[in-house]
N, C-alpha and C. Protein backbone atom coordinates (compact mmCIF):
# COMPACT_ATOMS: atom_id res chain seq x y z
N MET A 1 -57.57 16.05 -46.25
CA MET A 1 -57.61 14.47 -46.49
C MET A 1 -58.59 14.59 -47.71
N ALA A 2 -57.78 13.58 -49.26
CA ALA A 2 -58.95 13.02 -50.16
C ALA A 2 -59.84 12.25 -49.49
N ALA A 3 -60.98 11.34 -49.65
CA ALA A 3 -61.62 10.22 -49.53
C ALA A 3 -61.02 8.98 -49.97
N LYS A 4 -60.16 9.25 -51.28
CA LYS A 4 -59.06 8.07 -51.67
C LYS A 4 -57.80 7.78 -51.09
N ASP A 5 -57.44 8.93 -50.06
CA ASP A 5 -56.57 9.21 -49.34
C ASP A 5 -56.62 8.24 -48.27
N MET A 6 -57.76 8.22 -47.52
CA MET A 6 -58.16 7.59 -46.24
C MET A 6 -58.38 5.98 -46.16
N SER A 7 -58.16 5.77 -45.26
CA SER A 7 -58.34 4.18 -45.20
C SER A 7 -59.45 4.05 -44.95
N SER A 8 -60.25 2.37 -44.52
CA SER A 8 -61.57 2.15 -44.49
C SER A 8 -62.02 2.44 -42.92
N VAL A 9 -60.92 2.58 -42.54
CA VAL A 9 -61.51 3.02 -40.97
C VAL A 9 -61.64 4.27 -40.48
N GLU A 10 -60.78 5.34 -41.31
CA GLU A 10 -61.10 6.57 -41.47
C GLU A 10 -62.54 7.29 -42.38
N VAL A 11 -62.94 6.02 -43.08
CA VAL A 11 -63.97 6.32 -44.23
C VAL A 11 -65.30 6.05 -43.20
N CYS A 12 -65.49 4.93 -42.35
CA CYS A 12 -66.16 5.30 -41.06
C CYS A 12 -66.16 6.00 -40.30
N LEU A 13 -65.34 6.33 -39.97
CA LEU A 13 -65.44 7.38 -38.99
C LEU A 13 -66.12 9.08 -39.21
N THR A 14 -65.80 9.22 -40.68
CA THR A 14 -66.13 10.30 -41.22
C THR A 14 -67.63 10.43 -40.85
N ILE A 15 -68.12 9.14 -41.73
CA ILE A 15 -69.34 8.89 -42.29
C ILE A 15 -70.11 8.89 -41.51
N ILE A 16 -69.92 8.28 -39.90
CA ILE A 16 -70.45 8.12 -38.56
C ILE A 16 -70.53 9.73 -38.17
N ARG A 17 -69.50 10.60 -38.27
CA ARG A 17 -69.54 11.79 -37.55
C ARG A 17 -70.01 12.75 -38.65
N GLU A 18 -70.25 12.26 -39.88
CA GLU A 18 -71.51 13.39 -40.87
C GLU A 18 -72.37 13.16 -40.39
N LEU A 19 -73.02 11.65 -40.27
CA LEU A 19 -74.46 11.54 -39.78
C LEU A 19 -74.97 11.85 -38.10
N ALA A 20 -73.95 12.11 -37.38
CA ALA A 20 -74.07 12.73 -36.23
C ALA A 20 -74.42 14.28 -36.00
N ASP A 21 -73.73 14.90 -37.46
CA ASP A 21 -73.80 15.97 -37.77
C ASP A 21 -75.11 16.46 -38.04
N SER A 22 -75.44 16.01 -38.75
CA SER A 22 -76.88 16.27 -39.61
C SER A 22 -78.13 15.92 -38.78
N VAL A 23 -77.51 15.01 -37.61
CA VAL A 23 -79.28 14.50 -37.08
C VAL A 23 -78.67 15.60 -35.79
N GLU A 24 -77.83 16.26 -35.41
CA GLU A 24 -77.51 17.38 -34.37
C GLU A 24 -77.78 18.38 -34.94
N THR A 25 -78.10 19.03 -36.35
CA THR A 25 -78.49 20.43 -37.42
C THR A 25 -79.59 20.13 -37.78
N ALA A 26 -80.53 19.03 -37.78
CA ALA A 26 -81.85 18.66 -38.38
C ALA A 26 -82.88 19.84 -38.20
N ARG A 27 -83.63 19.87 -38.94
CA ARG A 27 -84.82 20.67 -38.37
C ARG A 27 -85.76 19.73 -37.83
N ARG A 28 -86.36 20.30 -36.28
CA ARG A 28 -86.72 19.90 -35.49
C ARG A 28 -88.40 19.59 -36.28
N THR A 29 -89.37 19.11 -35.61
CA THR A 29 -90.55 18.83 -36.11
C THR A 29 -91.73 19.66 -34.88
N PHE A 30 -92.63 20.12 -35.58
CA PHE A 30 -93.52 20.73 -34.68
C PHE A 30 -94.29 19.45 -33.41
N ILE A 31 -94.20 18.52 -33.87
CA ILE A 31 -95.29 17.75 -33.48
C ILE A 31 -94.40 17.04 -32.12
N ASN A 32 -92.88 16.36 -32.36
CA ASN A 32 -92.35 16.16 -30.88
C ASN A 32 -90.83 17.05 -31.19
N ASN A 33 -90.20 17.11 -30.08
CA ASN A 33 -88.65 17.39 -30.67
C ASN A 33 -87.77 16.75 -30.54
N ASP A 34 -88.02 15.33 -30.16
CA ASP A 34 -87.29 14.53 -30.40
C ASP A 34 -87.20 13.91 -32.21
N THR A 35 -87.97 14.20 -32.38
CA THR A 35 -87.84 14.01 -34.17
C THR A 35 -87.44 15.18 -34.65
N CYS A 36 -86.75 14.91 -36.23
CA CYS A 36 -86.04 15.29 -37.00
C CYS A 36 -86.03 14.80 -38.52
N VAL A 37 -85.92 16.04 -39.70
CA VAL A 37 -86.35 16.11 -40.81
C VAL A 37 -84.75 16.14 -41.33
N ILE A 38 -84.75 14.63 -41.73
CA ILE A 38 -83.03 14.31 -42.64
C ILE A 38 -83.54 14.02 -44.15
N SER A 39 -82.95 14.27 -44.93
CA SER A 39 -82.77 13.89 -46.16
C SER A 39 -82.61 12.23 -46.18
N ARG A 40 -84.09 11.52 -46.86
CA ARG A 40 -84.12 10.32 -46.50
C ARG A 40 -82.74 9.70 -48.08
N SER A 41 -82.53 10.31 -49.11
CA SER A 41 -81.48 10.20 -50.23
C SER A 41 -80.09 9.90 -49.55
N TYR A 42 -79.94 11.28 -48.74
CA TYR A 42 -78.83 11.35 -48.31
C TYR A 42 -78.46 10.71 -47.03
N MET A 43 -79.64 10.06 -46.22
CA MET A 43 -78.83 9.05 -45.61
C MET A 43 -78.74 7.77 -45.98
N GLN A 44 -79.44 7.60 -46.95
CA GLN A 44 -78.94 6.04 -47.92
C GLN A 44 -77.94 6.40 -48.35
N GLU A 45 -77.54 7.23 -48.99
CA GLU A 45 -76.26 7.25 -49.86
C GLU A 45 -75.16 7.10 -48.15
N ARG A 46 -75.34 7.92 -47.54
CA ARG A 46 -74.35 7.36 -46.24
C ARG A 46 -74.23 6.36 -45.72
N LEU A 47 -75.26 5.96 -45.52
CA LEU A 47 -75.45 4.22 -44.96
C LEU A 47 -74.73 3.54 -45.97
N GLU A 48 -74.82 3.56 -46.92
CA GLU A 48 -74.58 2.37 -47.79
C GLU A 48 -73.21 2.58 -47.99
N ARG A 49 -72.57 3.52 -48.27
CA ARG A 49 -71.23 3.90 -48.17
C ARG A 49 -70.78 3.58 -47.10
N LEU A 50 -71.10 3.39 -45.70
CA LEU A 50 -70.75 2.87 -45.02
C LEU A 50 -70.80 1.30 -44.61
N GLY A 51 -72.05 0.59 -45.53
CA GLY A 51 -72.18 -0.63 -45.37
C GLY A 51 -70.41 -0.77 -46.15
N GLU A 52 -70.62 -0.09 -47.50
CA GLU A 52 -69.23 -0.83 -48.51
C GLU A 52 -68.06 -0.55 -47.76
N SER A 53 -67.48 0.72 -46.42
CA SER A 53 -66.32 0.47 -46.31
C SER A 53 -66.43 -0.16 -45.04
N LEU A 54 -67.24 -1.02 -44.09
CA LEU A 54 -67.13 -1.35 -42.95
C LEU A 54 -66.24 -2.70 -43.57
N PRO A 55 -66.69 -3.64 -44.32
CA PRO A 55 -65.46 -4.85 -44.11
C PRO A 55 -64.51 -4.45 -44.19
N GLY A 56 -63.71 -3.42 -45.14
CA GLY A 56 -62.48 -3.21 -45.43
C GLY A 56 -62.03 -2.49 -43.99
N ALA A 57 -62.75 -2.00 -43.09
CA ALA A 57 -62.49 -1.21 -41.61
C ALA A 57 -62.04 -2.61 -40.57
N LEU A 58 -63.23 -3.38 -40.91
CA LEU A 58 -62.98 -4.67 -40.06
C LEU A 58 -61.93 -5.64 -40.14
N THR A 59 -61.60 -5.27 -41.26
CA THR A 59 -60.38 -5.95 -41.88
C THR A 59 -58.77 -5.26 -41.77
N GLU A 60 -58.91 -3.78 -41.45
CA GLU A 60 -58.05 -2.91 -41.26
C GLU A 60 -57.82 -2.85 -39.56
N ALA A 61 -59.05 -2.84 -39.51
CA ALA A 61 -58.89 -3.00 -37.53
C ALA A 61 -58.24 -4.44 -37.06
N GLU A 62 -58.66 -5.58 -37.99
CA GLU A 62 -58.00 -6.70 -37.36
C GLU A 62 -56.42 -7.11 -37.95
N GLY A 63 -56.52 -6.29 -38.54
CA GLY A 63 -54.91 -6.44 -39.16
C GLY A 63 -53.98 -5.47 -37.79
N ILE A 64 -54.58 -4.18 -37.38
CA ILE A 64 -54.14 -3.63 -36.59
C ILE A 64 -54.08 -3.74 -34.96
N ILE A 65 -54.93 -5.10 -34.91
CA ILE A 65 -55.12 -5.45 -33.52
C ILE A 65 -54.12 -6.50 -33.46
N ARG A 66 -53.97 -7.42 -34.71
CA ARG A 66 -52.63 -8.19 -34.70
C ARG A 66 -50.98 -7.76 -34.82
N GLU A 67 -51.18 -6.23 -35.60
CA GLU A 67 -49.63 -5.52 -35.57
C GLU A 67 -49.48 -5.15 -34.08
N VAL A 68 -50.65 -4.51 -33.09
CA VAL A 68 -50.58 -4.58 -31.70
C VAL A 68 -50.08 -5.45 -30.88
N GLN A 69 -50.39 -7.01 -30.97
CA GLN A 69 -50.27 -8.00 -30.16
C GLN A 69 -48.66 -8.30 -30.33
N SER A 70 -48.64 -8.51 -31.87
CA SER A 70 -47.30 -8.45 -32.83
C SER A 70 -46.27 -7.36 -31.70
N ILE A 71 -46.06 -6.52 -31.74
CA ILE A 71 -45.28 -5.25 -31.17
C ILE A 71 -45.60 -5.80 -29.16
N ARG A 72 -46.79 -6.26 -29.22
CA ARG A 72 -46.50 -6.37 -27.04
C ARG A 72 -45.96 -7.55 -27.45
N THR A 73 -46.13 -9.11 -27.91
CA THR A 73 -45.17 -10.36 -27.82
C THR A 73 -44.06 -9.42 -28.20
N GLN A 74 -43.74 -9.11 -29.16
CA GLN A 74 -41.77 -8.31 -29.25
C GLN A 74 -41.49 -7.42 -27.93
N THR A 75 -42.24 -6.73 -27.40
CA THR A 75 -42.21 -5.58 -26.33
C THR A 75 -41.53 -6.70 -25.40
N ASP A 76 -42.76 -7.87 -25.03
CA ASP A 76 -42.64 -8.46 -23.54
C ASP A 76 -41.14 -9.53 -23.46
N ARG A 77 -41.06 -9.99 -25.14
CA ARG A 77 -40.37 -10.43 -25.18
C ARG A 77 -38.67 -9.79 -24.76
N GLU A 78 -38.34 -8.26 -25.33
CA GLU A 78 -37.33 -7.58 -25.07
C GLU A 78 -37.34 -7.68 -23.48
N CYS A 79 -38.51 -6.86 -23.34
CA CYS A 79 -38.68 -6.77 -21.86
C CYS A 79 -37.75 -7.90 -20.67
N ASN A 80 -38.44 -9.18 -20.76
CA ASN A 80 -37.48 -10.77 -20.48
C ASN A 80 -36.60 -11.25 -20.53
N ASP A 81 -35.79 -10.48 -22.24
CA ASP A 81 -34.48 -10.66 -22.17
C ASP A 81 -33.30 -9.24 -21.28
N GLN A 82 -34.11 -8.30 -21.36
CA GLN A 82 -33.27 -6.85 -20.38
C GLN A 82 -33.71 -7.54 -19.11
N LEU A 83 -34.73 -8.67 -18.65
CA LEU A 83 -34.44 -8.27 -17.36
C LEU A 83 -33.68 -9.91 -16.76
N ALA A 84 -33.56 -10.45 -17.80
CA ALA A 84 -33.01 -11.98 -17.61
C ALA A 84 -31.10 -11.51 -17.71
N GLN A 85 -30.81 -10.71 -18.20
CA GLN A 85 -29.68 -9.55 -18.33
C GLN A 85 -29.67 -9.34 -17.69
N ALA A 86 -30.63 -8.55 -16.98
CA ALA A 86 -30.02 -7.40 -15.74
C ALA A 86 -29.68 -8.85 -14.28
N GLN A 87 -30.86 -9.94 -14.38
CA GLN A 87 -30.26 -10.27 -13.02
C GLN A 87 -29.44 -10.91 -13.26
N ALA A 88 -28.80 -11.64 -14.32
CA ALA A 88 -27.57 -12.38 -14.72
C ALA A 88 -26.50 -11.39 -13.82
N GLN A 89 -26.40 -10.10 -14.81
CA GLN A 89 -25.89 -8.89 -14.24
C GLN A 89 -25.24 -8.78 -12.44
N ALA A 90 -26.16 -8.61 -11.96
CA ALA A 90 -26.49 -8.76 -10.70
C ALA A 90 -25.82 -9.64 -10.12
N GLN A 91 -26.28 -10.60 -10.33
CA GLN A 91 -25.65 -12.22 -9.70
C GLN A 91 -24.03 -12.08 -10.36
N GLN A 92 -23.38 -11.69 -11.04
CA GLN A 92 -22.08 -11.48 -11.49
C GLN A 92 -21.63 -10.35 -10.45
N LEU A 93 -22.24 -9.25 -10.38
CA LEU A 93 -21.91 -8.26 -9.60
C LEU A 93 -21.92 -9.06 -8.02
N VAL A 94 -22.99 -9.88 -7.49
CA VAL A 94 -23.02 -10.72 -6.25
C VAL A 94 -21.69 -11.49 -5.80
N GLY A 95 -21.79 -11.84 -7.12
CA GLY A 95 -20.18 -13.05 -7.00
C GLY A 95 -19.33 -12.64 -6.51
N ASP A 96 -19.25 -11.04 -7.54
CA ASP A 96 -17.73 -10.73 -7.62
C ASP A 96 -17.61 -9.86 -5.93
N ALA A 97 -18.50 -9.44 -5.61
CA ALA A 97 -18.51 -8.54 -4.45
C ALA A 97 -18.25 -10.01 -2.89
N GLN A 98 -18.69 -10.94 -3.32
CA GLN A 98 -18.60 -12.07 -2.23
C GLN A 98 -17.30 -12.42 -2.11
N GLN A 99 -16.45 -12.57 -3.42
CA GLN A 99 -15.29 -13.15 -3.95
C GLN A 99 -14.06 -12.08 -3.06
N THR A 100 -14.61 -10.67 -3.45
CA THR A 100 -13.93 -9.76 -3.08
C THR A 100 -13.95 -9.85 -1.50
N ALA A 101 -15.08 -10.09 -0.52
CA ALA A 101 -15.01 -9.66 0.50
C ALA A 101 -14.48 -11.20 1.55
N GLN A 102 -14.18 -12.21 0.35
CA GLN A 102 -13.64 -13.64 1.40
C GLN A 102 -12.40 -13.50 1.30
N ARG A 103 -11.64 -12.63 -0.12
CA ARG A 103 -9.86 -12.04 -0.38
C ARG A 103 -9.94 -11.27 1.15
N MET A 104 -10.49 -10.21 1.15
CA MET A 104 -10.41 -9.23 1.72
C MET A 104 -10.25 -10.36 3.71
N SER A 105 -11.35 -10.74 3.86
CA SER A 105 -11.72 -11.10 4.74
C SER A 105 -10.07 -12.33 5.29
N SER A 106 -9.37 -13.23 3.95
CA SER A 106 -8.30 -13.96 3.72
C SER A 106 -7.44 -12.82 4.75
N GLU A 107 -7.03 -11.69 3.90
CA GLU A 107 -5.69 -11.00 4.33
C GLU A 107 -5.58 -10.20 5.54
N ALA A 108 -7.34 -9.97 6.26
CA ALA A 108 -7.52 -9.51 6.92
C ALA A 108 -6.46 -11.13 8.09
N GLN A 109 -7.02 -12.03 7.93
CA GLN A 109 -6.60 -13.11 8.82
C GLN A 109 -5.39 -13.44 8.64
N GLN A 110 -4.88 -13.51 7.62
CA GLN A 110 -3.43 -13.27 7.88
C GLN A 110 -2.50 -12.46 8.36
N MET A 111 -3.13 -11.08 8.28
CA MET A 111 -2.67 -10.09 8.55
C MET A 111 -2.43 -9.95 10.08
N MET A 112 -3.41 -10.46 10.64
CA MET A 112 -3.70 -11.01 12.11
C MET A 112 -2.76 -11.81 12.53
N GLN A 113 -3.17 -13.05 11.79
CA GLN A 113 -2.30 -13.64 12.24
C GLN A 113 -0.32 -13.54 12.59
N GLN A 114 -0.24 -12.50 11.32
CA GLN A 114 1.05 -12.17 11.05
C GLN A 114 1.43 -11.20 12.23
N ALA A 115 0.77 -9.79 12.82
CA ALA A 115 0.81 -9.54 13.99
C ALA A 115 0.90 -10.41 15.09
N GLU A 116 0.14 -11.11 15.04
CA GLU A 116 0.24 -12.12 16.68
C GLU A 116 1.60 -12.73 16.61
N ARG A 117 1.98 -13.15 15.43
CA ARG A 117 3.53 -14.09 15.94
C ARG A 117 4.16 -12.66 15.74
N THR A 118 4.53 -11.70 15.79
CA THR A 118 5.44 -10.72 15.44
C THR A 118 4.97 -10.12 16.63
N SER A 119 3.85 -9.74 17.35
CA SER A 119 4.11 -9.55 18.75
C SER A 119 4.37 -10.88 19.86
N GLN A 120 3.62 -12.05 19.74
CA GLN A 120 5.25 -12.89 20.29
C GLN A 120 6.35 -13.08 20.45
N ASP A 121 6.87 -13.38 19.17
CA ASP A 121 8.29 -12.99 19.10
C ASP A 121 8.72 -11.86 19.64
N THR A 122 7.89 -10.74 19.88
CA THR A 122 8.58 -9.06 20.11
C THR A 122 8.58 -9.46 21.87
N ILE A 123 7.73 -9.95 22.12
CA ILE A 123 7.65 -10.37 23.66
C ILE A 123 8.39 -11.41 24.22
N ARG A 124 8.93 -12.24 23.45
CA ARG A 124 9.52 -13.42 23.90
C ARG A 124 10.75 -12.46 24.13
N ARG A 125 11.36 -11.79 22.88
CA ARG A 125 12.61 -11.41 22.79
C ARG A 125 12.53 -10.56 23.95
N GLY A 126 12.11 -9.85 24.49
CA GLY A 126 12.17 -8.99 25.39
C GLY A 126 11.99 -9.39 26.81
N GLN A 127 11.65 -11.03 27.17
CA GLN A 127 11.52 -11.40 28.29
C GLN A 127 12.65 -12.23 28.62
N GLU A 128 13.61 -12.57 27.28
CA GLU A 128 15.03 -13.75 27.33
C GLU A 128 15.88 -12.62 27.58
N GLU A 129 15.63 -11.19 27.58
CA GLU A 129 16.47 -9.93 27.01
C GLU A 129 16.35 -9.58 28.98
N ALA A 130 15.23 -9.26 29.34
CA ALA A 130 14.97 -8.90 30.54
C ALA A 130 15.14 -9.90 31.29
N GLN A 131 15.22 -11.23 31.34
CA GLN A 131 15.93 -12.42 32.40
C GLN A 131 17.40 -11.97 32.42
N ALA A 132 18.08 -11.87 31.16
CA ALA A 132 19.29 -12.19 30.93
C ALA A 132 19.93 -10.82 31.68
N ALA A 133 19.19 -9.04 31.20
CA ALA A 133 19.48 -8.36 32.57
C ALA A 133 19.48 -8.56 33.64
N VAL A 134 18.49 -9.56 33.88
CA VAL A 134 18.30 -9.94 35.77
C VAL A 134 19.14 -10.25 36.42
N HIS A 135 19.65 -11.64 35.74
CA HIS A 135 21.04 -12.32 35.87
C HIS A 135 22.04 -11.78 35.88
N GLN A 136 22.21 -10.92 35.00
CA GLN A 136 23.59 -10.40 35.04
C GLN A 136 23.48 -9.64 36.58
N THR A 137 22.13 -8.75 36.84
CA THR A 137 22.44 -7.84 37.54
C THR A 137 22.55 -8.79 38.93
N GLU A 138 21.92 -9.72 38.84
CA GLU A 138 22.53 -10.58 40.34
C GLU A 138 23.64 -11.10 40.60
N GLN A 139 23.95 -11.34 39.23
CA GLN A 139 25.79 -11.89 39.53
C GLN A 139 26.26 -10.76 39.81
N LYS A 140 26.40 -9.12 39.15
CA LYS A 140 27.28 -8.38 39.36
C LYS A 140 26.70 -7.69 41.05
N ALA A 141 25.25 -8.37 41.73
CA ALA A 141 25.34 -7.67 43.00
C ALA A 141 25.75 -8.80 43.83
N ALA A 142 25.72 -10.16 43.26
CA ALA A 142 26.42 -11.27 43.90
C ALA A 142 27.96 -10.60 44.19
N ALA A 143 28.49 -10.52 43.43
CA ALA A 143 29.99 -9.89 43.22
C ALA A 143 30.25 -9.06 43.98
N MET A 144 29.42 -7.80 44.29
CA MET A 144 29.98 -6.93 44.72
C MET A 144 29.26 -7.19 47.22
N LEU A 145 28.31 -7.95 46.74
CA LEU A 145 28.12 -8.39 47.90
C LEU A 145 29.30 -9.41 48.52
N ALA A 146 30.01 -9.94 48.01
CA ALA A 146 31.28 -11.23 48.31
C ALA A 146 32.29 -9.84 48.38
N GLU A 147 32.48 -9.02 47.72
CA GLU A 147 33.39 -8.23 47.48
C GLU A 147 33.69 -7.29 49.06
N ALA A 148 32.56 -6.82 49.14
CA ALA A 148 32.18 -6.11 50.38
C ALA A 148 32.23 -7.36 51.56
N ASP A 149 31.94 -8.10 51.85
CA ASP A 149 32.37 -8.95 52.81
C ASP A 149 33.55 -9.29 52.83
N GLN A 150 34.23 -9.48 52.04
CA GLN A 150 36.02 -10.14 51.99
C GLN A 150 36.49 -8.29 52.18
N GLN A 151 35.89 -7.98 51.83
CA GLN A 151 36.60 -6.06 52.55
C GLN A 151 36.63 -6.13 53.57
N CYS A 152 35.20 -6.43 54.07
CA CYS A 152 34.74 -6.56 55.46
C CYS A 152 36.09 -7.45 56.43
N ARG A 153 36.16 -8.99 56.14
CA ARG A 153 36.82 -9.62 56.70
C ARG A 153 38.66 -8.86 56.87
N ASP A 154 38.42 -8.52 55.76
CA ASP A 154 40.44 -7.86 55.15
C ASP A 154 40.48 -6.91 56.45
N LYS A 155 39.63 -6.22 56.91
CA LYS A 155 39.39 -4.75 57.53
C LYS A 155 39.07 -5.57 59.10
N VAL A 156 38.82 -6.50 59.24
CA VAL A 156 38.38 -6.75 61.04
C VAL A 156 39.80 -7.39 61.56
N SER A 157 40.71 -6.45 62.13
CA SER A 157 41.65 -6.36 63.15
C SER A 157 41.43 -5.67 64.43
N SER A 158 40.90 -4.85 64.52
CA SER A 158 40.95 -4.70 65.71
C SER A 158 39.31 -4.54 65.66
N GLU A 159 38.44 -4.02 67.59
CA GLU A 159 37.73 -3.35 67.55
C GLU A 159 37.48 -2.18 66.71
N ASN A 160 37.69 -1.12 66.83
CA ASN A 160 37.65 -0.25 65.67
C ASN A 160 37.48 -0.20 64.58
N VAL A 161 38.66 -0.82 64.17
CA VAL A 161 38.55 -1.36 62.46
C VAL A 161 37.37 -1.94 62.06
N TYR A 162 36.86 -3.47 63.07
CA TYR A 162 36.07 -3.97 62.84
C TYR A 162 34.88 -3.63 62.83
N ARG A 163 34.49 -2.33 63.64
CA ARG A 163 33.17 -0.87 63.48
C ARG A 163 32.77 -0.77 62.58
N MET A 164 34.51 -0.23 61.38
CA MET A 164 34.40 0.74 60.64
C MET A 164 34.32 0.16 59.28
N ALA A 165 34.68 -1.67 59.71
CA ALA A 165 34.13 -2.48 58.24
C ALA A 165 33.16 -2.79 58.64
N VAL A 166 32.22 -2.93 59.24
CA VAL A 166 30.67 -3.40 59.33
C VAL A 166 30.41 -2.04 58.99
N VAL A 167 30.41 -0.91 59.39
CA VAL A 167 29.74 0.44 58.62
C VAL A 167 29.93 0.12 57.14
N GLU A 168 31.02 0.14 56.35
CA GLU A 168 31.48 0.19 55.68
C GLU A 168 30.44 -1.12 54.40
N ALA A 169 31.04 -2.37 55.19
CA ALA A 169 30.12 -3.08 54.76
C ALA A 169 29.24 -3.25 54.53
N GLU A 170 28.03 -2.49 55.36
CA GLU A 170 26.80 -2.06 55.11
C GLU A 170 26.61 -1.23 54.18
N GLU A 171 26.97 -0.05 54.13
CA GLU A 171 27.14 0.60 53.09
C GLU A 171 27.21 0.06 51.65
N LEU A 172 28.39 -0.66 51.15
CA LEU A 172 28.21 -1.68 50.13
C LEU A 172 26.81 -2.03 49.85
N ARG A 173 26.54 -2.78 51.21
CA ARG A 173 25.02 -3.69 50.84
C ARG A 173 24.20 -3.23 50.08
N GLU A 174 23.99 -1.60 50.99
CA GLU A 174 23.47 -0.90 50.80
C GLU A 174 23.19 -0.26 48.97
N ASN A 175 24.65 0.17 49.07
CA ASN A 175 23.98 0.60 47.53
C ASN A 175 24.31 -0.61 46.50
N ALA A 176 24.46 -1.65 46.49
CA ALA A 176 24.74 -3.16 45.85
C ALA A 176 22.93 -3.55 46.06
N ARG A 177 22.55 -3.42 46.92
CA ARG A 177 20.50 -3.05 46.99
C ARG A 177 19.95 -2.27 45.87
N ALA A 178 20.50 -1.15 46.34
CA ALA A 178 20.25 0.50 45.03
C ALA A 178 20.05 0.24 44.28
N GLU A 179 21.65 -0.21 43.58
CA GLU A 179 21.95 -0.54 42.16
C GLU A 179 20.89 -1.44 41.73
N LEU A 180 20.74 -2.53 42.41
CA LEU A 180 19.60 -4.05 42.00
C LEU A 180 18.26 -3.42 41.87
N ALA A 181 18.16 -2.44 42.55
CA ALA A 181 16.94 -2.04 42.50
C ALA A 181 16.47 -1.18 41.63
N GLN A 182 17.25 -0.77 41.16
CA GLN A 182 17.43 0.12 40.01
C GLN A 182 17.52 -0.36 38.08
N VAL A 183 18.63 -1.39 38.53
CA VAL A 183 18.50 -2.39 37.45
C VAL A 183 17.00 -3.00 37.08
N ARG A 184 16.69 -3.49 38.34
CA ARG A 184 15.48 -4.17 37.96
C ARG A 184 13.91 -3.45 37.52
N GLN A 185 14.53 -1.67 38.53
CA GLN A 185 13.61 -1.25 37.61
C GLN A 185 13.90 -0.57 36.14
N ASN A 186 15.07 -0.23 35.62
CA ASN A 186 15.29 -0.23 34.13
C ASN A 186 14.56 -1.29 33.75
N THR A 187 14.88 -2.43 33.72
CA THR A 187 14.42 -3.95 33.15
C THR A 187 13.08 -3.95 32.64
N PHE A 188 12.25 -3.52 33.86
CA PHE A 188 10.96 -3.42 34.01
C PHE A 188 10.03 -2.34 33.08
N ASP A 189 10.88 -1.13 33.10
CA ASP A 189 10.92 -0.01 32.34
C ASP A 189 11.18 -0.39 30.74
N TYR A 190 11.93 -0.99 30.48
CA TYR A 190 12.33 -1.73 29.06
C TYR A 190 11.04 -2.77 28.53
N LEU A 191 11.13 -3.54 29.59
CA LEU A 191 9.70 -4.64 29.25
C LEU A 191 8.66 -3.76 28.86
N ASP A 192 8.31 -2.90 29.68
CA ASP A 192 6.78 -1.63 29.52
C ASP A 192 7.03 -1.31 28.00
N ASN A 193 7.75 -0.95 27.81
CA ASN A 193 8.07 -0.41 26.24
C ASN A 193 8.21 -0.91 25.12
N VAL A 194 8.43 -2.26 25.21
CA VAL A 194 8.47 -3.33 24.64
C VAL A 194 7.23 -3.71 24.13
N ILE A 195 6.50 -3.89 25.37
CA ILE A 195 4.61 -4.34 25.03
C ILE A 195 4.37 -2.64 24.48
N GLY A 196 4.45 -2.18 25.22
CA GLY A 196 3.86 -0.62 24.69
C GLY A 196 3.94 -0.56 22.81
N GLN A 197 5.33 -0.99 22.15
CA GLN A 197 5.11 -1.08 20.87
C GLN A 197 4.52 -1.92 19.99
N VAL A 198 4.45 -2.83 20.99
CA VAL A 198 3.89 -3.82 20.39
C VAL A 198 2.12 -3.75 20.57
N ASP A 199 1.51 -2.88 21.75
CA ASP A 199 0.15 -3.26 21.43
C ASP A 199 -0.38 -1.91 20.18
N ARG A 200 0.43 -0.77 19.91
CA ARG A 200 0.35 0.23 18.99
C ARG A 200 0.52 -0.42 17.71
N TYR A 201 1.32 -1.66 17.41
CA TYR A 201 1.62 -1.83 16.06
C TYR A 201 0.34 -2.95 16.09
N LEU A 202 -0.15 -3.41 17.11
CA LEU A 202 -1.75 -4.35 16.93
C LEU A 202 -2.61 -3.41 16.53
N ASN A 203 -3.19 -1.84 17.39
CA ASN A 203 -3.65 -1.14 16.99
C ASN A 203 -3.71 -0.51 15.73
N ASP A 204 -2.69 -0.12 14.91
CA ASP A 204 -2.29 0.39 13.51
C ASP A 204 -3.13 -1.33 12.89
N MET A 205 -2.50 -2.65 13.06
CA MET A 205 -2.89 -3.51 12.50
C MET A 205 -5.02 -3.79 12.48
N VAL A 206 -5.04 -3.89 13.20
CA VAL A 206 -6.68 -3.39 13.74
C VAL A 206 -7.25 -2.55 12.92
N ASN A 207 -7.10 -1.10 13.03
CA ASN A 207 -7.34 -0.19 12.23
C ASN A 207 -7.47 -0.12 10.95
N ASP A 208 -6.31 -0.72 10.61
CA ASP A 208 -6.11 -0.90 9.08
C ASP A 208 -7.19 -1.60 8.16
N VAL A 209 -7.54 -3.15 8.92
CA VAL A 209 -8.50 -3.62 8.96
C VAL A 209 -10.01 -3.52 8.85
N ARG A 210 -9.91 -2.43 10.12
CA ARG A 210 -11.68 -1.75 9.92
C ARG A 210 -11.50 -0.87 8.72
N MET A 211 -10.74 -0.13 8.68
CA MET A 211 -10.72 0.54 7.25
C MET A 211 -10.97 0.05 5.87
N GLU A 212 -10.46 -1.08 5.80
CA GLU A 212 -10.51 -2.38 4.44
C GLU A 212 -11.70 -2.62 4.79
N ARG A 213 -12.36 -2.84 6.10
CA ARG A 213 -13.64 -3.21 6.48
C ARG A 213 -15.27 -2.43 5.89
N THR A 214 -14.85 -1.00 6.51
CA THR A 214 -15.03 -0.01 6.02
C THR A 214 -15.55 0.23 4.64
N GLU A 215 -14.92 0.08 4.00
CA GLU A 215 -14.29 0.52 2.74
C GLU A 215 -15.30 -0.50 1.71
N LEU A 216 -15.25 -1.99 2.47
CA LEU A 216 -15.61 -3.07 1.37
C LEU A 216 -17.37 -2.69 1.61
N ASN A 217 -17.33 -2.04 3.07
CA ASN A 217 -19.10 -1.70 3.11
C ASN A 217 -19.30 -0.95 2.15
N ASN A 218 -18.84 0.11 2.05
CA ASN A 218 -18.92 1.55 1.44
C ASN A 218 -19.11 1.18 -0.09
N HIS A 219 -18.89 0.04 -0.66
CA HIS A 219 -19.03 -0.22 -2.08
C HIS A 219 -20.04 -1.11 -2.28
N ARG A 220 -20.87 -1.42 -1.14
CA ARG A 220 -21.77 -2.33 -1.25
C ARG A 220 -22.88 -1.76 -2.24
């Protein structure tokens, strides 16, 4: 690189390196190894050149320092802007997540309330149907018992006939009781089936809510 193309700072550094090389390669004296012989004119010329270049080098160094400070200030400003933008985006994401969580919680509550109303309606209908079935069975059993008693009274004309009537009436009563017990058992089986369906429906609703909650946690 030509001397005229170098900056003042580069010229100063070049002169300093040249002086250091001159001292390093200078011939030592016989009196003391720490002393050496260097051309006076060479040293004066280099030192004069160094003195001439120092003001410009200092000016350039100050310019470089100001430029570095300006770059640092600009970098700090950009970093602060990016940090503020990232914080705003993070707050927006948190707000959106909270709104989503609230919405899903509200939907889950509505689903649970709907499931509870549905289960209550189903249980109430089942109880009403069971009560109607029991009432109908009791009426039928009462009619069968009345018919058996009537048949028994009709057949009581003699001792043998009376004995036969008693046996047949007892058989009719046992049959009526057995049929009533069977109807009651069928009614209880029907109620158990209805309640089981409600239980499965509620379990499905709870599983759906849990899946929604798990999916929400996975998106955190």
